[in-house]
N, C-alpha and C. Protein backbone atom coordinates (compact mmCIF):
# COMPACT_ATOMS: atom_id res chain seq x y z
N UNK A 1 -5.10 20.68 1.44
CA UNK A 1 -5.18 19.37 0.82
C UNK A 1 -4.99 19.48 -0.70
N UNK A 2 -4.30 18.52 -1.28
CA UNK A 2 -4.02 18.50 -2.71
C UNK A 2 -4.82 17.38 -3.37
N UNK A 3 -5.60 17.69 -4.41
CA UNK A 3 -6.37 16.63 -5.08
C UNK A 3 -5.45 15.67 -5.82
N UNK A 4 -5.78 14.39 -5.76
CA UNK A 4 -5.05 13.34 -6.47
C UNK A 4 -6.00 12.62 -7.41
N UNK A 5 -5.46 12.12 -8.51
CA UNK A 5 -6.28 11.45 -9.51
C UNK A 5 -6.02 9.95 -9.50
N UNK A 6 -7.09 9.16 -9.51
CA UNK A 6 -6.99 7.71 -9.54
C UNK A 6 -7.96 7.16 -10.58
N UNK A 7 -7.65 5.97 -11.08
CA UNK A 7 -8.52 5.27 -12.01
C UNK A 7 -8.90 3.91 -11.43
N UNK A 8 -10.10 3.46 -11.76
CA UNK A 8 -10.49 2.09 -11.44
C UNK A 8 -9.79 1.16 -12.42
N UNK A 9 -9.34 0.00 -11.93
CA UNK A 9 -8.60 -0.93 -12.78
C UNK A 9 -9.33 -2.26 -12.88
N UNK A 10 -9.40 -2.78 -14.11
CA UNK A 10 -10.07 -4.05 -14.32
C UNK A 10 -11.52 -3.97 -13.90
N UNK A 11 -11.96 -4.97 -13.12
CA UNK A 11 -13.35 -5.02 -12.68
C UNK A 11 -13.53 -4.47 -11.27
N UNK A 12 -12.47 -3.92 -10.70
CA UNK A 12 -12.56 -3.39 -9.34
C UNK A 12 -13.57 -2.25 -9.25
N UNK A 13 -14.28 -2.21 -8.15
CA UNK A 13 -15.21 -1.11 -7.89
C UNK A 13 -14.61 -0.09 -6.92
N UNK A 14 -13.36 -0.26 -6.58
CA UNK A 14 -12.64 0.66 -5.69
C UNK A 14 -11.21 0.79 -6.20
N UNK A 15 -10.51 1.84 -5.76
CA UNK A 15 -9.15 2.09 -6.20
C UNK A 15 -8.20 1.07 -5.59
N UNK A 16 -7.23 0.64 -6.37
CA UNK A 16 -6.26 -0.35 -5.91
C UNK A 16 -5.34 0.24 -4.83
N UNK A 17 -5.04 -0.59 -3.82
CA UNK A 17 -4.16 -0.14 -2.75
C UNK A 17 -2.77 0.24 -3.23
N UNK A 18 -2.26 -0.46 -4.27
CA UNK A 18 -0.93 -0.12 -4.77
C UNK A 18 -0.91 1.29 -5.37
N UNK A 19 -2.03 1.71 -5.97
CA UNK A 19 -2.10 3.07 -6.50
C UNK A 19 -2.15 4.09 -5.36
N UNK A 20 -2.93 3.78 -4.32
CA UNK A 20 -3.00 4.68 -3.16
C UNK A 20 -1.62 4.82 -2.53
N UNK A 21 -0.93 3.69 -2.33
CA UNK A 21 0.40 3.72 -1.73
C UNK A 21 1.37 4.53 -2.58
N UNK A 22 1.40 4.28 -3.86
CA UNK A 22 2.35 4.97 -4.75
C UNK A 22 2.11 6.47 -4.75
N UNK A 23 0.84 6.88 -4.80
CA UNK A 23 0.53 8.31 -4.81
C UNK A 23 0.88 8.97 -3.48
N UNK A 24 0.65 8.26 -2.37
CA UNK A 24 1.03 8.81 -1.06
C UNK A 24 2.53 9.00 -0.96
N UNK A 25 3.29 7.99 -1.41
CA UNK A 25 4.76 8.10 -1.36
C UNK A 25 5.25 9.24 -2.25
N UNK A 26 4.66 9.35 -3.44
CA UNK A 26 5.07 10.42 -4.36
C UNK A 26 4.71 11.79 -3.81
N UNK A 27 3.51 11.90 -3.23
CA UNK A 27 3.09 13.17 -2.65
C UNK A 27 4.03 13.60 -1.52
N UNK A 28 4.40 12.65 -0.68
CA UNK A 28 5.20 12.99 0.51
C UNK A 28 6.68 13.16 0.21
N UNK A 29 7.16 12.64 -0.91
CA UNK A 29 8.60 12.58 -1.18
C UNK A 29 9.33 13.92 -1.08
N UNK A 30 8.85 15.00 -1.70
CA UNK A 30 9.60 16.27 -1.61
C UNK A 30 9.80 16.75 -0.18
N UNK A 31 8.74 16.65 0.63
CA UNK A 31 8.86 17.09 2.02
C UNK A 31 9.80 16.19 2.81
N UNK A 32 9.69 14.89 2.57
CA UNK A 32 10.57 13.95 3.27
C UNK A 32 12.03 14.21 2.93
N UNK A 33 12.32 14.46 1.66
CA UNK A 33 13.71 14.75 1.27
C UNK A 33 14.21 16.01 1.96
N UNK A 34 13.36 17.02 2.06
CA UNK A 34 13.75 18.25 2.75
C UNK A 34 14.04 18.00 4.22
N UNK A 35 13.20 17.19 4.84
CA UNK A 35 13.40 16.85 6.26
C UNK A 35 14.71 16.08 6.44
N UNK A 36 14.98 15.13 5.54
CA UNK A 36 16.20 14.32 5.64
C UNK A 36 17.44 15.20 5.50
N UNK A 37 17.39 16.17 4.59
CA UNK A 37 18.53 17.07 4.41
C UNK A 37 18.71 17.94 5.64
N UNK A 38 17.61 18.48 6.16
CA UNK A 38 17.69 19.36 7.32
C UNK A 38 18.19 18.64 8.56
N UNK A 39 17.76 17.39 8.73
CA UNK A 39 18.13 16.64 9.94
C UNK A 39 19.32 15.73 9.72
N UNK A 40 19.81 15.67 8.47
CA UNK A 40 20.97 14.84 8.13
C UNK A 40 20.75 13.39 8.58
N UNK A 41 19.55 12.90 8.37
CA UNK A 41 19.21 11.52 8.74
C UNK A 41 18.10 11.02 7.82
N UNK A 42 18.12 9.73 7.54
CA UNK A 42 17.12 9.15 6.66
C UNK A 42 15.81 8.89 7.41
N UNK A 43 14.70 9.09 6.71
CA UNK A 43 13.40 8.74 7.29
C UNK A 43 13.32 7.23 7.48
N UNK A 44 12.79 6.81 8.63
CA UNK A 44 12.74 5.40 8.96
C UNK A 44 11.34 5.01 9.46
N UNK A 45 11.07 3.71 9.37
CA UNK A 45 9.84 3.12 9.93
C UNK A 45 8.59 3.81 9.38
N UNK A 46 8.33 3.58 8.12
CA UNK A 46 7.15 4.13 7.46
C UNK A 46 6.05 3.09 7.50
N UNK A 47 4.84 3.52 7.82
CA UNK A 47 3.71 2.60 7.88
C UNK A 47 2.51 3.24 7.18
N UNK A 48 1.84 2.46 6.32
CA UNK A 48 0.63 2.94 5.65
C UNK A 48 -0.53 2.04 6.04
N UNK A 49 -1.59 2.64 6.57
CA UNK A 49 -2.80 1.92 6.97
C UNK A 49 -3.93 2.32 6.03
N UNK A 50 -4.64 1.32 5.52
CA UNK A 50 -5.82 1.56 4.69
C UNK A 50 -7.05 1.39 5.58
N UNK A 51 -7.81 2.47 5.74
CA UNK A 51 -8.93 2.45 6.68
C UNK A 51 -10.23 2.01 6.05
N UNK A 52 -10.41 2.31 4.77
CA UNK A 52 -11.62 1.86 4.09
C UNK A 52 -11.39 1.89 2.58
N UNK A 53 -12.30 1.23 1.87
CA UNK A 53 -12.20 1.20 0.42
C UNK A 53 -12.47 2.60 -0.15
N UNK A 54 -11.75 2.94 -1.19
CA UNK A 54 -11.87 4.27 -1.80
C UNK A 54 -12.57 4.17 -3.14
N UNK A 55 -13.63 4.93 -3.30
CA UNK A 55 -14.41 4.90 -4.54
C UNK A 55 -14.67 6.29 -5.10
N UNK A 56 -14.40 7.35 -4.33
CA UNK A 56 -14.68 8.72 -4.76
C UNK A 56 -13.37 9.49 -4.92
N UNK A 57 -13.40 10.66 -5.57
CA UNK A 57 -12.20 11.47 -5.72
C UNK A 57 -11.53 11.73 -4.38
N UNK A 58 -10.19 11.71 -4.36
CA UNK A 58 -9.42 11.78 -3.12
C UNK A 58 -8.49 12.98 -3.11
N UNK A 59 -8.04 13.31 -1.89
CA UNK A 59 -7.07 14.37 -1.68
C UNK A 59 -6.10 13.95 -0.60
N UNK A 60 -4.89 14.54 -0.63
CA UNK A 60 -3.85 14.19 0.35
C UNK A 60 -3.29 15.45 0.99
N UNK A 61 -2.81 15.31 2.23
CA UNK A 61 -2.21 16.44 2.91
C UNK A 61 -1.48 16.03 4.16
N UNK A 62 -0.52 16.84 4.57
CA UNK A 62 0.18 16.64 5.84
C UNK A 62 -0.70 17.16 6.96
N UNK A 63 -0.71 16.47 8.10
CA UNK A 63 -1.52 16.89 9.23
C UNK A 63 -0.69 16.78 10.51
N UNK A 64 -1.06 17.59 11.50
CA UNK A 64 -0.43 17.46 12.81
C UNK A 64 -1.25 16.49 13.67
N UNK A 65 -0.82 16.27 14.90
CA UNK A 65 -1.45 15.29 15.76
C UNK A 65 -2.91 15.62 16.05
N UNK A 66 -3.21 16.89 16.29
CA UNK A 66 -4.58 17.28 16.59
C UNK A 66 -5.49 17.09 15.38
N UNK A 67 -5.00 17.46 14.21
CA UNK A 67 -5.79 17.29 12.99
C UNK A 67 -6.04 15.81 12.72
N UNK A 68 -5.04 14.97 12.98
CA UNK A 68 -5.20 13.54 12.78
C UNK A 68 -6.26 12.97 13.72
N UNK A 69 -6.24 13.41 14.97
CA UNK A 69 -7.24 12.95 15.93
C UNK A 69 -8.65 13.34 15.48
N UNK A 70 -8.79 14.54 14.95
CA UNK A 70 -10.11 15.00 14.49
C UNK A 70 -10.60 14.17 13.30
N UNK A 71 -9.69 13.84 12.38
CA UNK A 71 -10.06 13.03 11.23
C UNK A 71 -10.45 11.62 11.65
N UNK A 72 -9.72 11.08 12.62
CA UNK A 72 -10.07 9.75 13.14
C UNK A 72 -11.46 9.78 13.77
N UNK A 73 -11.71 10.79 14.58
CA UNK A 73 -12.99 10.89 15.27
C UNK A 73 -14.15 11.03 14.29
N UNK A 74 -13.90 11.68 13.16
CA UNK A 74 -14.95 11.87 12.16
C UNK A 74 -15.03 10.71 11.18
N UNK A 75 -14.20 9.68 11.39
CA UNK A 75 -14.15 8.53 10.49
C UNK A 75 -13.91 8.97 9.04
N UNK A 76 -13.01 9.95 8.88
CA UNK A 76 -12.78 10.56 7.57
C UNK A 76 -11.56 10.02 6.85
N UNK A 77 -10.80 9.13 7.47
CA UNK A 77 -9.57 8.65 6.86
C UNK A 77 -9.85 7.55 5.84
N UNK A 78 -9.26 7.69 4.67
CA UNK A 78 -9.21 6.60 3.70
C UNK A 78 -7.92 5.83 3.89
N UNK A 79 -6.81 6.56 4.01
CA UNK A 79 -5.51 5.94 4.26
C UNK A 79 -4.64 6.91 5.03
N UNK A 80 -3.68 6.36 5.77
CA UNK A 80 -2.78 7.15 6.60
C UNK A 80 -1.36 6.66 6.41
N UNK A 81 -0.46 7.58 6.04
CA UNK A 81 0.96 7.29 5.97
C UNK A 81 1.63 7.95 7.17
N UNK A 82 2.30 7.14 7.98
CA UNK A 82 2.98 7.66 9.16
C UNK A 82 4.46 7.34 9.09
N UNK A 83 5.27 8.31 9.46
CA UNK A 83 6.72 8.13 9.57
C UNK A 83 7.08 8.26 11.04
N UNK A 84 7.75 7.24 11.58
CA UNK A 84 8.08 7.28 13.01
C UNK A 84 9.28 8.17 13.28
N UNK A 85 10.29 8.11 12.41
CA UNK A 85 11.51 8.93 12.59
C UNK A 85 11.78 9.68 11.30
N UNK A 86 11.61 11.03 11.28
CA UNK A 86 10.95 11.85 12.30
C UNK A 86 9.43 11.69 12.22
N UNK A 87 8.71 11.97 13.30
CA UNK A 87 7.27 11.72 13.33
C UNK A 87 6.53 12.71 12.44
N UNK A 88 5.89 12.18 11.41
CA UNK A 88 5.10 12.97 10.47
C UNK A 88 3.92 12.11 9.99
N UNK A 89 2.84 12.77 9.51
CA UNK A 89 1.66 12.04 9.04
C UNK A 89 1.12 12.66 7.76
N UNK A 90 0.78 11.81 6.80
CA UNK A 90 0.07 12.23 5.58
C UNK A 90 -1.24 11.46 5.54
N UNK A 91 -2.33 12.17 5.25
CA UNK A 91 -3.63 11.51 5.19
C UNK A 91 -4.18 11.55 3.77
N UNK A 92 -5.00 10.56 3.48
CA UNK A 92 -5.75 10.50 2.23
C UNK A 92 -7.22 10.49 2.62
N UNK A 93 -7.97 11.48 2.12
CA UNK A 93 -9.38 11.61 2.48
C UNK A 93 -10.23 11.84 1.23
N UNK A 94 -11.53 11.68 1.38
CA UNK A 94 -12.43 11.99 0.27
C UNK A 94 -12.38 13.48 -0.05
N UNK A 95 -12.45 13.77 -1.34
CA UNK A 95 -12.46 15.17 -1.77
C UNK A 95 -13.87 15.76 -1.69
N UNK A 96 -14.89 14.90 -1.70
CA UNK A 96 -16.27 15.35 -1.67
C UNK A 96 -17.04 14.55 -0.62
N UNK A 97 -18.19 15.05 -0.25
CA UNK A 97 -19.05 14.35 0.70
C UNK A 97 -19.77 13.19 0.00
N UNK A 98 -20.18 12.16 0.76
CA UNK A 98 -20.83 11.00 0.14
C UNK A 98 -22.06 11.33 -0.70
N UNK A 99 -22.80 12.37 -0.31
CA UNK A 99 -24.04 12.70 -1.02
C UNK A 99 -23.79 13.56 -2.26
N UNK A 100 -22.57 14.05 -2.45
CA UNK A 100 -22.29 14.94 -3.57
C UNK A 100 -22.00 14.14 -4.84
N UNK A 101 -22.52 14.65 -5.95
CA UNK A 101 -22.26 14.01 -7.25
C UNK A 101 -20.85 14.36 -7.73
N UNK A 102 -20.27 13.50 -8.55
CA UNK A 102 -18.95 13.78 -9.12
C UNK A 102 -18.86 13.15 -10.50
N UNK A 103 -17.89 13.58 -11.24
CA UNK A 103 -17.69 13.05 -12.58
C UNK A 103 -17.36 11.55 -12.50
N UNK A 104 -17.81 10.77 -13.49
CA UNK A 104 -17.48 9.34 -13.47
C UNK A 104 -15.97 9.12 -13.44
N UNK A 105 -15.54 8.14 -12.64
CA UNK A 105 -14.12 7.83 -12.52
C UNK A 105 -13.69 6.99 -13.72
N UNK A 106 -12.54 7.33 -14.28
CA UNK A 106 -12.04 6.60 -15.45
C UNK A 106 -11.69 5.17 -15.07
N UNK A 107 -11.98 4.24 -15.97
CA UNK A 107 -11.65 2.83 -15.76
C UNK A 107 -10.68 2.38 -16.85
N UNK A 108 -9.65 1.61 -16.45
CA UNK A 108 -8.68 1.11 -17.42
C UNK A 108 -8.56 -0.41 -17.28
N UNK A 109 -8.13 -1.06 -18.36
CA UNK A 109 -7.96 -2.50 -18.34
C UNK A 109 -6.82 -2.88 -17.40
N UNK A 110 -6.98 -4.04 -16.74
CA UNK A 110 -5.96 -4.48 -15.79
C UNK A 110 -6.04 -5.98 -15.61
N UNK A 111 -4.90 -6.65 -15.72
CA UNK A 111 -4.84 -8.09 -15.52
C UNK A 111 -3.74 -8.40 -14.51
N UNK A 112 -4.14 -8.56 -13.25
CA UNK A 112 -3.16 -8.80 -12.20
C UNK A 112 -2.45 -10.13 -12.36
N UNK A 113 -3.12 -11.11 -12.97
CA UNK A 113 -2.51 -12.44 -13.10
C UNK A 113 -1.27 -12.40 -13.98
N UNK A 114 -1.19 -11.42 -14.89
CA UNK A 114 -0.03 -11.34 -15.77
C UNK A 114 1.25 -11.04 -14.98
N UNK A 115 1.11 -10.43 -13.81
CA UNK A 115 2.28 -10.06 -13.02
C UNK A 115 2.97 -11.28 -12.44
N UNK A 116 2.21 -12.30 -12.08
CA UNK A 116 2.76 -13.41 -11.32
C UNK A 116 2.89 -14.69 -12.14
N UNK A 117 2.98 -14.57 -13.43
CA UNK A 117 3.08 -15.75 -14.27
C UNK A 117 4.39 -16.51 -14.07
N UNK A 118 5.44 -15.82 -13.63
CA UNK A 118 6.74 -16.49 -13.48
C UNK A 118 7.14 -16.71 -12.03
N UNK A 119 6.16 -16.84 -11.12
CA UNK A 119 6.50 -17.09 -9.73
C UNK A 119 6.96 -18.54 -9.57
N UNK A 120 7.75 -18.76 -8.54
CA UNK A 120 8.18 -20.12 -8.21
C UNK A 120 8.30 -20.23 -6.70
N UNK A 121 8.13 -21.44 -6.18
CA UNK A 121 8.25 -21.67 -4.75
C UNK A 121 9.54 -22.41 -4.47
N UNK A 122 10.09 -22.17 -3.26
CA UNK A 122 11.34 -22.80 -2.88
C UNK A 122 11.13 -23.72 -1.69
N UNK A 123 12.13 -24.56 -1.38
CA UNK A 123 12.02 -25.48 -0.24
C UNK A 123 11.99 -24.78 1.11
N UNK A 124 12.38 -23.51 1.12
CA UNK A 124 12.39 -22.76 2.38
C UNK A 124 11.03 -22.15 2.71
N UNK A 125 10.01 -22.43 1.89
CA UNK A 125 8.69 -21.87 2.13
C UNK A 125 8.49 -20.49 1.55
N UNK A 126 9.53 -19.97 0.90
CA UNK A 126 9.42 -18.66 0.28
C UNK A 126 8.90 -18.78 -1.15
N UNK A 127 8.25 -17.71 -1.60
CA UNK A 127 7.82 -17.60 -2.99
C UNK A 127 8.66 -16.53 -3.65
N UNK A 128 9.11 -16.79 -4.86
CA UNK A 128 10.04 -15.90 -5.53
C UNK A 128 9.45 -15.41 -6.85
N UNK A 129 9.84 -14.21 -7.25
CA UNK A 129 9.46 -13.70 -8.56
C UNK A 129 10.52 -12.70 -9.00
N UNK A 130 10.89 -12.75 -10.27
CA UNK A 130 11.82 -11.77 -10.82
C UNK A 130 11.06 -10.49 -11.12
N UNK A 131 11.61 -9.37 -10.66
CA UNK A 131 10.97 -8.07 -10.86
C UNK A 131 11.80 -7.27 -11.86
N UNK A 132 11.20 -6.83 -12.96
CA UNK A 132 11.97 -6.04 -13.93
C UNK A 132 12.21 -4.62 -13.42
N UNK A 133 13.16 -3.96 -14.03
CA UNK A 133 13.37 -2.56 -13.69
C UNK A 133 12.11 -1.77 -14.00
N UNK A 134 11.75 -0.87 -13.11
CA UNK A 134 10.50 -0.14 -13.32
C UNK A 134 10.32 0.94 -12.28
N UNK A 135 9.08 1.11 -11.85
CA UNK A 135 8.73 2.16 -10.91
C UNK A 135 8.42 1.58 -9.54
N UNK A 136 8.28 2.45 -8.54
CA UNK A 136 7.86 2.03 -7.21
C UNK A 136 6.47 1.39 -7.29
N UNK A 137 5.60 1.96 -8.10
CA UNK A 137 4.26 1.39 -8.27
C UNK A 137 4.35 -0.03 -8.79
N UNK A 138 5.17 -0.26 -9.81
CA UNK A 138 5.33 -1.59 -10.38
C UNK A 138 5.88 -2.58 -9.35
N UNK A 139 6.85 -2.14 -8.56
CA UNK A 139 7.42 -3.01 -7.53
C UNK A 139 6.34 -3.49 -6.57
N UNK A 140 5.54 -2.57 -6.06
CA UNK A 140 4.54 -2.96 -5.06
C UNK A 140 3.36 -3.70 -5.68
N UNK A 141 3.11 -3.51 -6.97
CA UNK A 141 2.14 -4.37 -7.64
C UNK A 141 2.61 -5.82 -7.61
N UNK A 142 3.92 -6.04 -7.80
CA UNK A 142 4.48 -7.39 -7.71
C UNK A 142 4.40 -7.91 -6.27
N UNK A 143 4.70 -7.05 -5.30
CA UNK A 143 4.65 -7.46 -3.89
C UNK A 143 3.26 -7.95 -3.52
N UNK A 144 2.25 -7.16 -3.84
CA UNK A 144 0.89 -7.50 -3.41
C UNK A 144 0.35 -8.71 -4.18
N UNK A 145 0.61 -8.78 -5.48
CA UNK A 145 0.14 -9.92 -6.26
C UNK A 145 0.81 -11.21 -5.79
N UNK A 146 2.11 -11.14 -5.49
CA UNK A 146 2.82 -12.33 -5.01
C UNK A 146 2.31 -12.77 -3.65
N UNK A 147 2.02 -11.81 -2.78
CA UNK A 147 1.52 -12.17 -1.46
C UNK A 147 0.15 -12.84 -1.53
N UNK A 148 -0.70 -12.39 -2.44
CA UNK A 148 -2.00 -13.04 -2.61
C UNK A 148 -1.81 -14.49 -3.05
N UNK A 149 -0.85 -14.72 -3.96
CA UNK A 149 -0.58 -16.07 -4.41
C UNK A 149 -0.13 -16.95 -3.25
N UNK A 150 0.76 -16.43 -2.43
CA UNK A 150 1.27 -17.18 -1.27
C UNK A 150 0.13 -17.53 -0.32
N UNK A 151 -0.71 -16.56 0.01
CA UNK A 151 -1.80 -16.80 0.96
C UNK A 151 -2.84 -17.76 0.38
N UNK A 152 -3.12 -17.63 -0.91
CA UNK A 152 -4.08 -18.56 -1.52
C UNK A 152 -3.58 -20.00 -1.47
N UNK A 153 -2.28 -20.20 -1.67
CA UNK A 153 -1.73 -21.55 -1.65
C UNK A 153 -1.73 -22.13 -0.23
N UNK A 154 -1.54 -21.27 0.78
CA UNK A 154 -1.44 -21.77 2.15
C UNK A 154 -2.79 -21.84 2.86
N UNK A 155 -3.71 -20.95 2.52
CA UNK A 155 -4.96 -20.85 3.29
C UNK A 155 -6.21 -20.98 2.43
N UNK A 156 -6.06 -21.29 1.16
CA UNK A 156 -7.20 -21.38 0.27
C UNK A 156 -7.50 -20.05 -0.37
N UNK A 157 -8.23 -20.11 -1.46
CA UNK A 157 -8.53 -18.89 -2.22
C UNK A 157 -9.57 -18.04 -1.50
N UNK A 158 -9.24 -16.77 -1.30
CA UNK A 158 -10.14 -15.83 -0.63
C UNK A 158 -10.08 -14.49 -1.34
N UNK A 159 -11.03 -13.63 -1.04
CA UNK A 159 -10.98 -12.25 -1.49
C UNK A 159 -10.17 -11.44 -0.47
N UNK A 160 -8.85 -11.51 -0.62
CA UNK A 160 -7.96 -10.86 0.34
C UNK A 160 -8.01 -9.35 0.20
N UNK A 161 -7.97 -8.68 1.33
CA UNK A 161 -7.92 -7.23 1.34
C UNK A 161 -6.68 -6.77 2.11
N UNK A 162 -6.01 -5.83 1.55
CA UNK A 162 -4.74 -5.31 2.08
C UNK A 162 -5.05 -4.19 3.07
N UNK A 163 -4.59 -4.36 4.31
CA UNK A 163 -4.90 -3.37 5.33
C UNK A 163 -3.76 -2.51 5.78
N UNK A 164 -2.50 -2.99 5.59
CA UNK A 164 -1.37 -2.22 6.13
C UNK A 164 -0.08 -2.70 5.48
N UNK A 165 0.89 -1.79 5.38
CA UNK A 165 2.24 -2.14 4.95
C UNK A 165 3.23 -1.33 5.78
N UNK A 166 4.30 -1.98 6.24
CA UNK A 166 5.37 -1.32 6.98
C UNK A 166 6.63 -1.36 6.13
N UNK A 167 7.28 -0.21 6.00
CA UNK A 167 8.52 -0.10 5.23
C UNK A 167 9.64 0.36 6.15
N UNK A 168 10.78 -0.34 6.18
CA UNK A 168 11.87 0.05 7.08
C UNK A 168 12.55 1.35 6.68
N UNK A 169 12.50 1.68 5.39
CA UNK A 169 13.16 2.90 4.90
C UNK A 169 12.31 3.52 3.80
N UNK A 170 12.64 4.76 3.44
CA UNK A 170 11.82 5.51 2.51
C UNK A 170 11.98 5.06 1.07
N UNK A 171 13.22 4.95 0.60
CA UNK A 171 13.47 4.73 -0.81
C UNK A 171 13.33 3.25 -1.18
N UNK A 172 12.31 2.92 -1.96
CA UNK A 172 12.14 1.55 -2.46
C UNK A 172 12.93 1.40 -3.75
N UNK A 173 13.49 0.22 -4.00
CA UNK A 173 14.30 0.01 -5.21
C UNK A 173 13.45 0.04 -6.48
N UNK A 174 14.03 0.56 -7.55
CA UNK A 174 13.36 0.55 -8.85
C UNK A 174 14.21 -0.19 -9.89
N UNK A 175 15.25 -0.89 -9.45
CA UNK A 175 16.09 -1.67 -10.34
C UNK A 175 15.54 -3.09 -10.43
N UNK A 176 16.02 -3.85 -11.41
CA UNK A 176 15.62 -5.24 -11.53
C UNK A 176 16.19 -6.05 -10.38
N UNK A 177 15.47 -7.06 -9.94
CA UNK A 177 15.95 -7.89 -8.83
C UNK A 177 14.99 -9.03 -8.56
N UNK A 178 15.23 -9.73 -7.46
CA UNK A 178 14.41 -10.87 -7.08
C UNK A 178 13.61 -10.54 -5.83
N UNK A 179 12.32 -10.72 -5.92
CA UNK A 179 11.42 -10.48 -4.80
C UNK A 179 11.09 -11.81 -4.15
N UNK A 180 11.19 -11.89 -2.83
CA UNK A 180 10.87 -13.10 -2.08
C UNK A 180 9.79 -12.77 -1.06
N UNK A 181 8.85 -13.70 -0.89
CA UNK A 181 7.74 -13.48 0.05
C UNK A 181 7.61 -14.68 0.97
N UNK A 182 7.51 -14.42 2.27
CA UNK A 182 7.37 -15.48 3.27
C UNK A 182 6.23 -15.14 4.22
N UNK A 183 5.40 -16.13 4.51
CA UNK A 183 4.36 -15.94 5.53
C UNK A 183 5.01 -15.92 6.90
N UNK A 184 4.62 -14.94 7.73
CA UNK A 184 5.24 -14.76 9.05
C UNK A 184 4.34 -15.27 10.17
N UNK A 185 3.11 -14.78 10.24
CA UNK A 185 2.24 -15.19 11.33
C UNK A 185 0.81 -14.77 11.05
N UNK A 186 -0.09 -15.33 11.86
CA UNK A 186 -1.51 -15.00 11.78
C UNK A 186 -1.92 -14.35 13.09
N UNK A 187 -2.59 -13.23 13.01
CA UNK A 187 -3.07 -12.51 14.19
C UNK A 187 -4.56 -12.80 14.34
N UNK A 188 -4.90 -13.48 15.43
CA UNK A 188 -6.26 -13.97 15.64
C UNK A 188 -6.67 -14.79 14.42
N UNK A 189 -7.88 -14.64 13.96
CA UNK A 189 -8.34 -15.43 12.82
C UNK A 189 -8.46 -14.61 11.55
N UNK A 190 -8.07 -13.33 11.62
CA UNK A 190 -8.43 -12.47 10.48
C UNK A 190 -7.26 -11.78 9.79
N UNK A 191 -6.12 -11.61 10.45
CA UNK A 191 -5.01 -10.85 9.86
C UNK A 191 -3.84 -11.78 9.60
N UNK A 192 -3.30 -11.70 8.39
CA UNK A 192 -2.22 -12.57 7.95
C UNK A 192 -1.02 -11.70 7.56
N UNK A 193 0.13 -11.96 8.19
CA UNK A 193 1.30 -11.10 8.04
C UNK A 193 2.37 -11.82 7.22
N UNK A 194 2.88 -11.15 6.20
CA UNK A 194 3.94 -11.70 5.36
C UNK A 194 5.10 -10.71 5.31
N UNK A 195 6.28 -11.22 4.94
CA UNK A 195 7.46 -10.37 4.83
C UNK A 195 8.03 -10.47 3.42
N UNK A 196 8.37 -9.32 2.84
CA UNK A 196 8.94 -9.27 1.50
C UNK A 196 10.41 -8.86 1.59
N UNK A 197 11.25 -9.60 0.86
CA UNK A 197 12.67 -9.27 0.71
C UNK A 197 12.93 -8.94 -0.75
N UNK A 198 13.80 -7.97 -0.99
CA UNK A 198 14.23 -7.66 -2.35
C UNK A 198 15.73 -7.85 -2.42
N UNK A 199 16.15 -8.83 -3.21
CA UNK A 199 17.57 -9.20 -3.28
C UNK A 199 18.14 -9.42 -1.87
N UNK A 200 17.35 -10.16 -1.07
CA UNK A 200 17.71 -10.59 0.30
C UNK A 200 17.63 -9.48 1.34
N UNK A 201 17.35 -8.25 0.95
CA UNK A 201 17.26 -7.15 1.92
C UNK A 201 15.80 -6.92 2.29
N UNK A 202 15.50 -6.62 3.57
CA UNK A 202 14.11 -6.37 3.99
C UNK A 202 13.49 -5.23 3.18
N UNK A 203 12.31 -5.49 2.64
CA UNK A 203 11.60 -4.48 1.84
C UNK A 203 10.33 -4.02 2.52
N UNK A 204 9.52 -4.97 3.01
CA UNK A 204 8.22 -4.58 3.56
C UNK A 204 7.64 -5.72 4.38
N UNK A 205 6.76 -5.35 5.30
CA UNK A 205 5.91 -6.31 6.01
C UNK A 205 4.48 -5.96 5.66
N UNK A 206 3.72 -6.97 5.20
CA UNK A 206 2.40 -6.74 4.64
C UNK A 206 1.34 -7.43 5.48
N UNK A 207 0.22 -6.75 5.71
CA UNK A 207 -0.88 -7.25 6.52
C UNK A 207 -2.13 -7.37 5.64
N UNK A 208 -2.62 -8.60 5.51
CA UNK A 208 -3.83 -8.86 4.71
C UNK A 208 -4.92 -9.40 5.63
N UNK A 209 -6.15 -9.26 5.18
CA UNK A 209 -7.28 -9.73 5.96
C UNK A 209 -8.31 -10.38 5.05
N UNK A 210 -9.05 -11.33 5.60
CA UNK A 210 -10.20 -11.90 4.87
C UNK A 210 -11.44 -11.03 5.07
N UNK A 211 -11.44 -10.25 6.12
CA UNK A 211 -12.62 -9.43 6.41
C UNK A 211 -12.60 -8.17 5.56
N UNK A 212 -13.76 -7.76 5.04
CA UNK A 212 -13.81 -6.55 4.22
C UNK A 212 -13.44 -5.32 5.02
N UNK A 213 -12.70 -4.40 4.39
CA UNK A 213 -12.52 -3.09 4.97
C UNK A 213 -13.86 -2.37 4.94
N UNK A 214 -13.97 -1.34 5.76
CA UNK A 214 -15.21 -0.56 5.76
C UNK A 214 -15.43 0.06 4.40
N UNK A 215 -16.67 0.12 3.96
CA UNK A 215 -17.00 0.76 2.70
C UNK A 215 -17.57 2.15 2.96
N UNK A 216 -17.39 3.05 2.00
CA UNK A 216 -17.87 4.43 2.22
C UNK A 216 -19.39 4.52 2.27
């Protein structure tokens, strides 16, 4: 397992999901590129599940099926990145036990509302926002902030929690473009599914919930 560093942002008492996602993608990228070269095929159908809120130092690593089953049984997963083609798994777990002391986590200023100041809605029910050229982290910060705005307008203001994201392909765009968000469906009473397009191409399917994720 490789230790990863995260900071608390704004008033959050847990690490932001966009930071967890970005670090997982960055951690896995070298191995994924090697696999793609060896198999002469692009990685497809990537899914990231957030199992609980993260508040302590974290680590990431590749695991096989048996190791993944053991981590699930021990309720040790913070987040799981799975690739369907070819089948591979990266896990994010606590670096220390709950009872162990650790150095205070750094906190930095953060204003999520600044990201969505230029959103606009269209007659097709989609919400749009211009995304500047930047990083994968910046792109998904726009995706998640825009989706919260969409859900708040359609279902009222809630403390939304992000539980899952599905990506059709590995490489997310880092160029400037237009992000569009559309509500897709509601699963039972708790899970709300939206779809993100970037310059009209499928980018991600996002799953949000009103129910709190498990806390450590």
